[in-house]
Amino acid sequence: MGYHNRSELQDLGCSSPLLLQPLWDTMRTREAFARSPFFPVIFSIITYVGFCLPFVVLDVLCPWVPLLRRYKIHPDFSPSARQLLPCLGQTLYQHLVFVFPVTLLHWARSPALLPQEAPELLQLLSHVLICLLLFDTEIFAWHLLHHKVPWLYRAFHKVHHQNASSFALATQYMSIWELFSLTFFDVLNVAILQCHPLTILTFHVVNIWLSVEDHSGYDFPWSTHRLVPFGWYGGVAHHDLHHSQFNCNFAPYFTHWDKMLGTLRSADSRELCASHLNQEKKQT
């Protein structure tokens, strides 16, 4: 065997698609279900509720476990059943009544064909990061517009701000217009990049997790924003400030757009505002 042939085989043996191929082969054994119009809706609901449930359990335990209150942004707040159930009900209703029919129409027009080969690991990671950056940019512009134009806010975005102190199941408590807008940007980006189906699933999982974590109300030492250096990623405290102050931190994840437009505020500003309020109360 010649040197070039050996080199090609070595390159093939070390090729990153082989790292993901066993996982992709396992997923393809359920190809009939993965290609059905039911899969996107079921996958989305299970992933979302699965990420929310641990935080719901923490909210139930929080009043009885002082250690948990140390990591809760609003220690004295715990969502009640009257807040949790409507949020869960609206999510299920919107997915079944609105999202599923759209998925069914898309499937009827162009049924998905799953490729045999898995994506390269580096390609998957880079596409997920690019999709997150694109989604962050699109939602920043969309979000800012809905806060600057009063009728857009009242008609479409106000629903999401009905819970001043956010909690996990309030992540998707939004109008159907807002849900479709987020879904449109989500689908648009993976289509532009022509992402592999495994990459699309990975991006959806990451995107849902980051959204739930941002609304969870818990700032743990292992929260995502503490793992990303230089303050590039805002995180739960960053997004909670938006819900409490309305005029800052419009980007869902990263901080560069808010920095450039002067709408970025840190968690320190919350403490500063609280101290001013306390001083004013003492003076009165």
C-alpha atoms as a PDB file:
ATOM      1  CA  MET A   1       0.000   0.000   0.000  1.00  0.00           C
ATOM      2  CA  GLY A   2       1.417   3.392  -1.036  1.00  0.00           C
ATOM      3  CA  TYR A   3       2.113   6.293   1.304  1.00  0.00           C
ATOM      4  CA  HIS A   4      -0.742   8.378  -0.075  1.00  0.00           C
ATOM      5  CA  ASN A   5      -3.253   5.575   0.371  1.00  0.00           C
ATOM      6  CA  ARG A   6      -2.143   5.024   3.986  1.00  0.00           C
ATOM      7  CA  SER A   7      -2.377   8.755   4.624  1.00  0.00           C
ATOM      8  CA  GLU A   8      -5.883   8.898   3.184  1.00  0.00           C
ATOM      9  CA  LEU A   9      -6.998   6.007   5.379  1.00  0.00           C
ATOM     10  CA  GLN A  10      -5.476   7.619   8.456  1.00  0.00           C
ATOM     11  CA  ASP A  11      -7.253  10.859   7.643  1.00  0.00           C
ATOM     12  CA  LEU A  12     -10.467   8.917   7.164  1.00  0.00           C
ATOM     13  CA  GLY A  13     -10.002   7.088  10.452  1.00  0.00           C
ATOM     14  CA  CYS A  14      -9.485  10.369  12.300  1.00  0.00           C
ATOM     15  CA  SER A  15     -12.236  12.155  10.448  1.00  0.00           C
ATOM     16  CA  SER A  16     -14.661  13.855  12.808  1.00  0.00           C
ATOM     17  CA  PRO A  17     -17.832  12.486  11.134  1.00  0.00           C
ATOM     18  CA  LEU A  18     -16.908   9.117  12.636  1.00  0.00           C
ATOM     19  CA  LEU A  19     -17.321  10.621  16.099  1.00  0.00           C
ATOM     20  CA  LEU A  20     -20.994  11.367  15.464  1.00  0.00           C
ATOM     21  CA  GLN A  21     -21.808   8.537  13.069  1.00  0.00           C
ATOM     22  CA  PRO A  22     -22.846   5.963  15.731  1.00  0.00           C
ATOM     23  CA  LEU A  23     -25.221   8.505  17.268  1.00  0.00           C
ATOM     24  CA  TRP A  24     -26.641   9.404  13.877  1.00  0.00           C
ATOM     25  CA  ASP A  25     -27.017   5.732  12.883  1.00  0.00           C
ATOM     26  CA  THR A  26     -28.987   5.120  16.085  1.00  0.00           C
ATOM     27  CA  MET A  27     -31.262   8.063  15.354  1.00  0.00           C
ATOM     28  CA  ARG A  28     -31.815   6.863  11.788  1.00  0.00           C
ATOM     29  CA  THR A  29     -33.249   3.588  13.116  1.00  0.00           C
ATOM     30  CA  ARG A  30     -36.273   5.744  14.066  1.00  0.00           C
ATOM     31  CA  GLU A  31     -36.290   7.418  10.653  1.00  0.00           C
ATOM     32  CA  ALA A  32     -40.003   6.906  10.017  1.00  0.00           C
ATOM     33  CA  PHE A  33     -40.914   8.816  13.175  1.00  0.00           C
ATOM     34  CA  ALA A  34     -38.175  11.425  12.686  1.00  0.00           C
ATOM     35  CA  ARG A  35     -39.553  12.224   9.227  1.00  0.00           C
ATOM     36  CA  SER A  36     -43.162  12.435  10.386  1.00  0.00           C
ATOM     37  CA  PRO A  37     -44.903  15.793  11.006  1.00  0.00           C
ATOM     38  CA  PHE A  38     -45.424  14.770  14.635  1.00  0.00           C
ATOM     39  CA  PHE A  39     -41.735  14.662  15.491  1.00  0.00           C
ATOM     40  CA  PRO A  40     -40.919  18.427  15.547  1.00  0.00           C
ATOM     41  CA  VAL A  41     -43.869  19.235  17.821  1.00  0.00           C
ATOM     42  CA  ILE A  42     -43.331  16.299  20.191  1.00  0.00           C
ATOM     43  CA  PHE A  43     -39.576  16.936  20.291  1.00  0.00           C
ATOM     44  CA  SER A  44     -40.088  20.632  21.038  1.00  0.00           C
ATOM     45  CA  ILE A  45     -42.655  20.069  23.812  1.00  0.00           C
ATOM     46  CA  ILE A  46     -40.723  17.252  25.512  1.00  0.00           C
ATOM     47  CA  THR A  47     -37.452  19.185  25.403  1.00  0.00           C
ATOM     48  CA  TYR A  48     -39.047  22.376  26.698  1.00  0.00           C
ATOM     49  CA  VAL A  49     -41.041  20.764  29.511  1.00  0.00           C
ATOM     50  CA  GLY A  50     -38.086  18.539  30.398  1.00  0.00           C
ATOM     51  CA  PHE A  51     -35.854  21.587  30.879  1.00  0.00           C
ATOM     52  CA  CYS A  52     -38.543  23.453  32.838  1.00  0.00           C
ATOM     53  CA  LEU A  53     -39.437  20.688  35.282  1.00  0.00           C
ATOM     54  CA  PRO A  54     -36.215  20.810  37.368  1.00  0.00           C
ATOM     55  CA  PHE A  55     -36.739  24.532  37.939  1.00  0.00           C
ATOM     56  CA  VAL A  56     -40.396  23.942  38.852  1.00  0.00           C
ATOM     57  CA  VAL A  57     -39.215  21.448  41.478  1.00  0.00           C
ATOM     58  CA  LEU A  58     -36.692  24.010  42.768  1.00  0.00           C
ATOM     59  CA  ASP A  59     -39.448  26.617  43.014  1.00  0.00           C
ATOM     60  CA  VAL A  60     -41.526  24.209  45.112  1.00  0.00           C
ATOM     61  CA  LEU A  61     -38.567  23.448  47.392  1.00  0.00           C
ATOM     62  CA  CYS A  62     -37.194  26.977  47.581  1.00  0.00           C
ATOM     63  CA  PRO A  63     -39.387  28.258  50.472  1.00  0.00           C
ATOM     64  CA  TRP A  64     -38.214  25.316  52.586  1.00  0.00           C
ATOM     65  CA  VAL A  65     -34.531  25.216  51.567  1.00  0.00           C
ATOM     66  CA  PRO A  66     -32.546  28.345  52.538  1.00  0.00           C
ATOM     67  CA  LEU A  67     -29.597  27.261  50.389  1.00  0.00           C
ATOM     68  CA  LEU A  68     -31.692  27.551  47.223  1.00  0.00           C
ATOM     69  CA  ARG A  69     -32.765  31.094  48.085  1.00  0.00           C
ATOM     70  CA  ARG A  70     -29.112  32.140  47.962  1.00  0.00           C
ATOM     71  CA  TYR A  71     -29.147  31.473  44.210  1.00  0.00           C
ATOM     72  CA  LYS A  72     -32.625  32.826  43.465  1.00  0.00           C
ATOM     73  CA  ILE A  73     -32.689  36.316  41.967  1.00  0.00           C
ATOM     74  CA  HIS A  74     -35.976  37.081  43.743  1.00  0.00           C
ATOM     75  CA  PRO A  75     -35.724  34.996  46.946  1.00  0.00           C
ATOM     76  CA  ASP A  76     -39.179  35.920  48.190  1.00  0.00           C
ATOM     77  CA  PHE A  77     -40.956  34.952  44.964  1.00  0.00           C
ATOM     78  CA  SER A  78     -42.217  31.488  44.077  1.00  0.00           C
ATOM     79  CA  PRO A  79     -44.688  31.005  41.207  1.00  0.00           C
ATOM     80  CA  SER A  80     -48.054  29.681  42.263  1.00  0.00           C
ATOM     81  CA  ALA A  81     -50.093  26.988  40.554  1.00  0.00           C
ATOM     82  CA  ARG A  82     -52.287  29.768  39.134  1.00  0.00           C
ATOM     83  CA  GLN A  83     -49.209  31.121  37.359  1.00  0.00           C
ATOM     84  CA  LEU A  84     -47.634  27.812  36.352  1.00  0.00           C
ATOM     85  CA  LEU A  85     -50.666  26.032  34.890  1.00  0.00           C
ATOM     86  CA  PRO A  86     -51.747  28.804  32.450  1.00  0.00           C
ATOM     87  CA  CYS A  87     -48.173  29.007  31.146  1.00  0.00           C
ATOM     88  CA  LEU A  88     -47.983  25.269  30.560  1.00  0.00           C
ATOM     89  CA  GLY A  89     -51.492  25.189  29.110  1.00  0.00           C
ATOM     90  CA  GLN A  90     -50.770  27.993  26.652  1.00  0.00           C
ATOM     91  CA  THR A  91     -47.580  26.314  25.464  1.00  0.00           C
ATOM     92  CA  LEU A  92     -49.376  23.016  24.797  1.00  0.00           C
ATOM     93  CA  TYR A  93     -52.346  24.758  23.181  1.00  0.00           C
ATOM     94  CA  GLN A  94     -50.237  26.846  20.812  1.00  0.00           C
ATOM     95  CA  HIS A  95     -48.087  23.906  19.741  1.00  0.00           C
ATOM     96  CA  LEU A  96     -51.060  21.637  19.074  1.00  0.00           C
ATOM     97  CA  VAL A  97     -53.425  24.179  17.502  1.00  0.00           C
ATOM     98  CA  PHE A  98     -50.991  26.416  15.595  1.00  0.00           C
ATOM     99  CA  VAL A  99     -47.492  24.911  15.332  1.00  0.00           C
ATOM    100  CA  PHE A 100     -48.569  21.375  14.383  1.00  0.00           C
ATOM    101  CA  PRO A 101     -50.745  22.444  11.406  1.00  0.00           C
ATOM    102  CA  VAL A 102     -47.878  24.538  10.024  1.00  0.00           C
ATOM    103  CA  THR A 103     -45.504  21.593  10.477  1.00  0.00           C
ATOM    104  CA  LEU A 104     -48.008  19.325   8.748  1.00  0.00           C
ATOM    105  CA  LEU A 105     -48.265  21.675   5.742  1.00  0.00           C
ATOM    106  CA  HIS A 106     -44.486  21.887   5.464  1.00  0.00           C
ATOM    107  CA  TRP A 107     -44.184  18.096   5.665  1.00  0.00           C
ATOM    108  CA  ALA A 108     -46.861  17.615   2.981  1.00  0.00           C
ATOM    109  CA  ARG A 109     -45.001  19.934   0.598  1.00  0.00           C
ATOM    110  CA  SER A 110     -41.488  18.565   1.157  1.00  0.00           C
ATOM    111  CA  PRO A 111     -41.059  15.459   3.329  1.00  0.00           C
ATOM    112  CA  ALA A 112     -37.639  15.424   4.996  1.00  0.00           C
ATOM    113  CA  LEU A 113     -34.960  13.096   3.671  1.00  0.00           C
ATOM    114  CA  LEU A 114     -32.326  12.071   6.194  1.00  0.00           C
ATOM    115  CA  PRO A 115     -28.736  11.791   4.912  1.00  0.00           C
ATOM    116  CA  GLN A 116     -26.783   8.634   5.673  1.00  0.00           C
ATOM    117  CA  GLU A 117     -23.654  10.408   6.899  1.00  0.00           C
ATOM    118  CA  ALA A 118     -23.354  12.347  10.138  1.00  0.00           C
ATOM    119  CA  PRO A 119     -21.985  15.905  10.092  1.00  0.00           C
ATOM    120  CA  GLU A 120     -18.416  16.672  11.038  1.00  0.00           C
ATOM    121  CA  LEU A 121     -18.127  17.601  14.682  1.00  0.00           C
ATOM    122  CA  LEU A 122     -16.407  20.909  13.946  1.00  0.00           C
ATOM    123  CA  GLN A 123     -19.066  21.759  11.359  1.00  0.00           C
ATOM    124  CA  LEU A 124     -21.852  20.944  13.815  1.00  0.00           C
ATOM    125  CA  LEU A 125     -20.330  23.128  16.555  1.00  0.00           C
ATOM    126  CA  SER A 126     -19.619  26.041  14.216  1.00  0.00           C
ATOM    127  CA  HIS A 127     -23.115  25.935  12.703  1.00  0.00           C
ATOM    128  CA  VAL A 128     -24.729  25.868  16.162  1.00  0.00           C
ATOM    129  CA  LEU A 129     -22.669  28.894  17.226  1.00  0.00           C
ATOM    130  CA  ILE A 130     -23.446  30.794  14.019  1.00  0.00           C
ATOM    131  CA  CYS A 131     -27.166  29.998  14.391  1.00  0.00           C
ATOM    132  CA  LEU A 132     -27.085  31.309  17.963  1.00  0.00           C
ATOM    133  CA  LEU A 133     -25.361  34.528  16.876  1.00  0.00           C
ATOM    134  CA  LEU A 134     -27.805  35.042  13.999  1.00  0.00           C
ATOM    135  CA  PHE A 135     -30.794  34.296  16.220  1.00  0.00           C
ATOM    136  CA  ASP A 136     -29.465  36.667  18.873  1.00  0.00           C
ATOM    137  CA  THR A 137     -29.109  39.460  16.288  1.00  0.00           C
ATOM    138  CA  GLU A 138     -32.556  38.925  14.795  1.00  0.00           C
ATOM    139  CA  ILE A 139     -34.317  38.754  18.162  1.00  0.00           C
ATOM    140  CA  PHE A 140     -32.419  41.809  19.406  1.00  0.00           C
ATOM    141  CA  ALA A 141     -33.760  43.884  16.497  1.00  0.00           C
ATOM    142  CA  TRP A 142     -37.249  42.338  16.753  1.00  0.00           C
ATOM    143  CA  HIS A 143     -37.351  42.774  20.540  1.00  0.00           C
ATOM    144  CA  LEU A 144     -36.106  46.366  20.470  1.00  0.00           C
ATOM    145  CA  LEU A 145     -38.679  47.262  17.815  1.00  0.00           C
ATOM    146  CA  HIS A 146     -41.538  45.845  19.902  1.00  0.00           C
ATOM    147  CA  HIS A 147     -40.435  47.867  22.917  1.00  0.00           C
ATOM    148  CA  LYS A 148     -39.979  51.109  20.967  1.00  0.00           C
ATOM    149  CA  VAL A 149     -43.283  50.949  19.048  1.00  0.00           C
ATOM    150  CA  PRO A 150     -46.114  51.106  21.641  1.00  0.00           C
ATOM    151  CA  TRP A 151     -48.798  49.395  19.553  1.00  0.00           C
ATOM    152  CA  LEU A 152     -46.471  46.488  18.743  1.00  0.00           C
ATOM    153  CA  TYR A 153     -45.745  46.066  22.435  1.00  0.00           C
ATOM    154  CA  ARG A 154     -49.407  46.193  23.439  1.00  0.00           C
ATOM    155  CA  ALA A 155     -50.617  43.944  20.638  1.00  0.00           C
ATOM    156  CA  PHE A 156     -47.911  41.270  20.615  1.00  0.00           C
ATOM    157  CA  HIS A 157     -45.197  41.457  23.275  1.00  0.00           C
ATOM    158  CA  LYS A 158     -47.029  42.563  26.415  1.00  0.00           C
ATOM    159  CA  VAL A 159     -48.215  39.014  27.103  1.00  0.00           C
ATOM    160  CA  HIS A 160     -44.654  37.883  27.754  1.00  0.00           C
ATOM    161  CA  HIS A 161     -44.160  40.644  30.335  1.00  0.00           C
ATOM    162  CA  GLN A 162     -47.220  39.799  32.415  1.00  0.00           C
ATOM    163  CA  ASN A 163     -44.949  37.984  34.873  1.00  0.00           C
ATOM    164  CA  ALA A 164     -42.577  40.629  36.248  1.00  0.00           C
ATOM    165  CA  SER A 165     -40.532  38.005  38.091  1.00  0.00           C
ATOM    166  CA  SER A 166     -39.756  35.358  35.504  1.00  0.00           C
ATOM    167  CA  PHE A 167     -39.822  31.595  36.051  1.00  0.00           C
ATOM    168  CA  ALA A 168     -39.023  28.680  33.769  1.00  0.00           C
ATOM    169  CA  LEU A 169     -42.518  27.878  32.483  1.00  0.00           C
ATOM    170  CA  ALA A 170     -43.039  31.564  31.620  1.00  0.00           C
ATOM    171  CA  THR A 171     -40.376  31.242  28.904  1.00  0.00           C
ATOM    172  CA  GLN A 172     -42.914  30.460  26.190  1.00  0.00           C
ATOM    173  CA  TYR A 173     -45.785  32.404  27.723  1.00  0.00           C
ATOM    174  CA  MET A 174     -46.236  34.662  24.708  1.00  0.00           C
ATOM    175  CA  SER A 175     -48.628  35.621  21.950  1.00  0.00           C
ATOM    176  CA  ILE A 176     -48.963  33.355  18.936  1.00  0.00           C
ATOM    177  CA  TRP A 177     -47.424  36.109  16.778  1.00  0.00           C
ATOM    178  CA  GLU A 178     -44.341  36.141  18.972  1.00  0.00           C
ATOM    179  CA  LEU A 179     -44.090  32.351  18.931  1.00  0.00           C
ATOM    180  CA  PHE A 180     -44.300  32.280  15.129  1.00  0.00           C
ATOM    181  CA  SER A 181     -41.733  35.074  14.866  1.00  0.00           C
ATOM    182  CA  LEU A 182     -39.220  33.198  17.008  1.00  0.00           C
ATOM    183  CA  THR A 183     -39.906  29.984  15.102  1.00  0.00           C
ATOM    184  CA  PHE A 184     -39.443  31.775  11.773  1.00  0.00           C
ATOM    185  CA  PHE A 185     -35.987  33.079  12.725  1.00  0.00           C
ATOM    186  CA  ASP A 186     -35.095  29.684  14.141  1.00  0.00           C
ATOM    187  CA  VAL A 187     -36.008  27.863  10.907  1.00  0.00           C
ATOM    188  CA  LEU A 188     -34.582  30.582   8.655  1.00  0.00           C
ATOM    189  CA  ASN A 189     -31.072  30.343  10.070  1.00  0.00           C
ATOM    190  CA  VAL A 190     -30.707  26.581   9.767  1.00  0.00           C
ATOM    191  CA  ALA A 191     -32.062  26.806   6.212  1.00  0.00           C
ATOM    192  CA  ILE A 192     -29.584  29.524   5.228  1.00  0.00           C
ATOM    193  CA  LEU A 193     -26.668  27.465   6.542  1.00  0.00           C
ATOM    194  CA  GLN A 194     -28.145  24.227   5.129  1.00  0.00           C
ATOM    195  CA  CYS A 195     -27.537  22.549   8.461  1.00  0.00           C
ATOM    196  CA  HIS A 196     -27.474  18.796   8.881  1.00  0.00           C
ATOM    197  CA  PRO A 197     -30.581  17.415  10.688  1.00  0.00           C
ATOM    198  CA  LEU A 198     -28.404  16.437  13.666  1.00  0.00           C
ATOM    199  CA  THR A 199     -27.079  19.993  13.801  1.00  0.00           C
ATOM    200  CA  ILE A 200     -30.639  21.340  13.698  1.00  0.00           C
ATOM    201  CA  LEU A 201     -31.677  19.142  16.618  1.00  0.00           C
ATOM    202  CA  THR A 202     -28.593  20.191  18.579  1.00  0.00           C
ATOM    203  CA  PHE A 203     -29.273  23.857  17.921  1.00  0.00           C
ATOM    204  CA  HIS A 204     -32.908  23.500  19.002  1.00  0.00           C
ATOM    205  CA  VAL A 205     -31.884  21.785  22.247  1.00  0.00           C
ATOM    206  CA  VAL A 206     -29.264  24.451  23.028  1.00  0.00           C
ATOM    207  CA  ASN A 207     -31.624  27.277  22.101  1.00  0.00           C
ATOM    208  CA  ILE A 208     -34.462  25.926  24.253  1.00  0.00           C
ATOM    209  CA  TRP A 209     -32.126  25.358  27.201  1.00  0.00           C
ATOM    210  CA  LEU A 210     -30.660  28.859  27.052  1.00  0.00           C
ATOM    211  CA  SER A 211     -34.144  30.381  26.841  1.00  0.00           C
ATOM    212  CA  VAL A 212     -35.403  28.388  29.820  1.00  0.00           C
ATOM    213  CA  GLU A 213     -32.297  29.149  31.861  1.00  0.00           C
ATOM    214  CA  ASP A 214     -32.653  32.880  31.100  1.00  0.00           C
ATOM    215  CA  HIS A 215     -36.180  32.826  32.559  1.00  0.00           C
ATOM    216  CA  SER A 216     -35.535  30.388  35.394  1.00  0.00           C
ATOM    217  CA  GLY A 217     -34.818  33.002  38.059  1.00  0.00           C
ATOM    218  CA  TYR A 218     -31.821  31.039  39.391  1.00  0.00           C
ATOM    219  CA  ASP A 219     -28.229  32.253  39.113  1.00  0.00           C
ATOM    220  CA  PHE A 220     -26.055  29.254  39.954  1.00  0.00           C
ATOM    221  CA  PRO A 221     -22.216  29.122  39.925  1.00  0.00           C
ATOM    222  CA  TRP A 222     -22.485  26.811  36.902  1.00  0.00           C
ATOM    223  CA  SER A 223     -24.987  28.958  34.976  1.00  0.00           C
ATOM    224  CA  THR A 224     -24.042  29.485  31.336  1.00  0.00           C
ATOM    225  CA  HIS A 225     -23.088  33.159  31.659  1.00  0.00           C
ATOM    226  CA  ARG A 226     -20.494  32.241  34.310  1.00  0.00           C
ATOM    227  CA  LEU A 227     -18.883  29.740  31.930  1.00  0.00           C
ATOM    228  CA  VAL A 228     -18.481  32.230  29.059  1.00  0.00           C
ATOM    229  CA  PRO A 229     -15.561  34.647  29.588  1.00  0.00           C
ATOM    230  CA  PHE A 230     -15.326  38.456  29.324  1.00  0.00           C
ATOM    231  CA  GLY A 231     -19.051  39.035  29.912  1.00  0.00           C
ATOM    232  CA  TRP A 232     -19.874  38.085  26.318  1.00  0.00           C
ATOM    233  CA  TYR A 233     -22.960  36.188  27.435  1.00  0.00           C
ATOM    234  CA  GLY A 234     -25.603  37.917  29.545  1.00  0.00           C
ATOM    235  CA  GLY A 235     -27.441  35.058  31.198  1.00  0.00           C
ATOM    236  CA  VAL A 236     -30.290  34.877  33.677  1.00  0.00           C
ATOM    237  CA  ALA A 237     -29.449  37.993  35.727  1.00  0.00           C
ATOM    238  CA  HIS A 238     -29.027  39.944  32.489  1.00  0.00           C
ATOM    239  CA  HIS A 239     -32.442  38.929  31.152  1.00  0.00           C
ATOM    240  CA  ASP A 240     -34.185  39.307  34.493  1.00  0.00           C
ATOM    241  CA  LEU A 241     -33.152  42.973  34.499  1.00  0.00           C
ATOM    242  CA  HIS A 242     -34.974  43.371  31.202  1.00  0.00           C
ATOM    243  CA  HIS A 243     -38.165  42.000  32.738  1.00  0.00           C
ATOM    244  CA  SER A 244     -37.902  44.304  35.744  1.00  0.00           C
ATOM    245  CA  GLN A 245     -36.691  47.502  34.012  1.00  0.00           C
ATOM    246  CA  PHE A 246     -38.041  47.025  30.427  1.00  0.00           C
ATOM    247  CA  ASN A 247     -35.634  49.482  28.739  1.00  0.00           C
ATOM    248  CA  CYS A 248     -32.394  47.477  28.753  1.00  0.00           C
ATOM    249  CA  ASN A 249     -30.822  44.150  27.776  1.00  0.00           C
ATOM    250  CA  PHE A 250     -32.879  43.457  24.654  1.00  0.00           C
ATOM    251  CA  ALA A 251     -30.610  40.736  23.254  1.00  0.00           C
ATOM    252  CA  PRO A 252     -31.652  37.271  24.428  1.00  0.00           C
ATOM    253  CA  TYR A 253     -28.177  35.830  24.912  1.00  0.00           C
ATOM    254  CA  PHE A 254     -25.064  37.801  24.029  1.00  0.00           C
ATOM    255  CA  THR A 255     -24.164  41.319  25.141  1.00  0.00           C
ATOM    256  CA  HIS A 256     -22.424  42.944  22.152  1.00  0.00           C
ATOM    257  CA  TRP A 257     -25.521  44.524  20.569  1.00  0.00           C
ATOM    258  CA  ASP A 258     -26.683  46.070  23.836  1.00  0.00           C
ATOM    259  CA  LYS A 259     -23.154  47.371  24.438  1.00  0.00           C
ATOM    260  CA  MET A 260     -23.018  49.006  21.015  1.00  0.00           C
ATOM    261  CA  LEU A 261     -26.448  50.658  21.398  1.00  0.00           C
ATOM    262  CA  GLY A 262     -25.960  51.659  25.030  1.00  0.00           C
ATOM    263  CA  THR A 263     -28.807  49.513  26.344  1.00  0.00           C
ATOM    264  CA  LEU A 264     -26.685  47.119  28.401  1.00  0.00           C
ATOM    265  CA  ARG A 265     -27.105  47.085  32.174  1.00  0.00           C
ATOM    266  CA  SER A 266     -25.428  44.799  34.646  1.00  0.00           C
ATOM    267  CA  ALA A 267     -26.800  43.167  37.762  1.00  0.00           C
ATOM    268  CA  ASP A 268     -24.991  45.858  39.782  1.00  0.00           C
ATOM    269  CA  SER A 269     -27.551  48.397  38.542  1.00  0.00           C
ATOM    270  CA  ARG A 270     -30.312  46.346  40.186  1.00  0.00           C
ATOM    271  CA  GLU A 271     -28.527  46.570  43.535  1.00  0.00           C
ATOM    272  CA  LEU A 272     -27.907  50.279  43.024  1.00  0.00           C
ATOM    273  CA  CYS A 273     -31.582  50.926  42.277  1.00  0.00           C
ATOM    274  CA  ALA A 274     -32.605  48.861  45.299  1.00  0.00           C
ATOM    275  CA  SER A 275     -30.293  50.838  47.584  1.00  0.00           C
ATOM    276  CA  HIS A 276     -31.695  54.131  46.260  1.00  0.00           C
ATOM    277  CA  LEU A 277     -35.246  52.912  46.894  1.00  0.00           C
ATOM    278  CA  ASN A 278     -34.335  51.872  50.431  1.00  0.00           C
ATOM    279  CA  GLN A 279     -32.767  55.264  51.100  1.00  0.00           C
ATOM    280  CA  GLU A 280     -35.859  57.023  49.790  1.00  0.00           C
ATOM    281  CA  LYS A 281     -38.102  54.895  52.010  1.00  0.00           C
ATOM    282  CA  LYS A 282     -35.992  55.720  55.062  1.00  0.00           C
ATOM    283  CA  GLN A 283     -36.139  59.442  54.263  1.00  0.00           C
ATOM    284  CA  THR A 284     -39.908  59.329  53.954  1.00  0.00           C
END
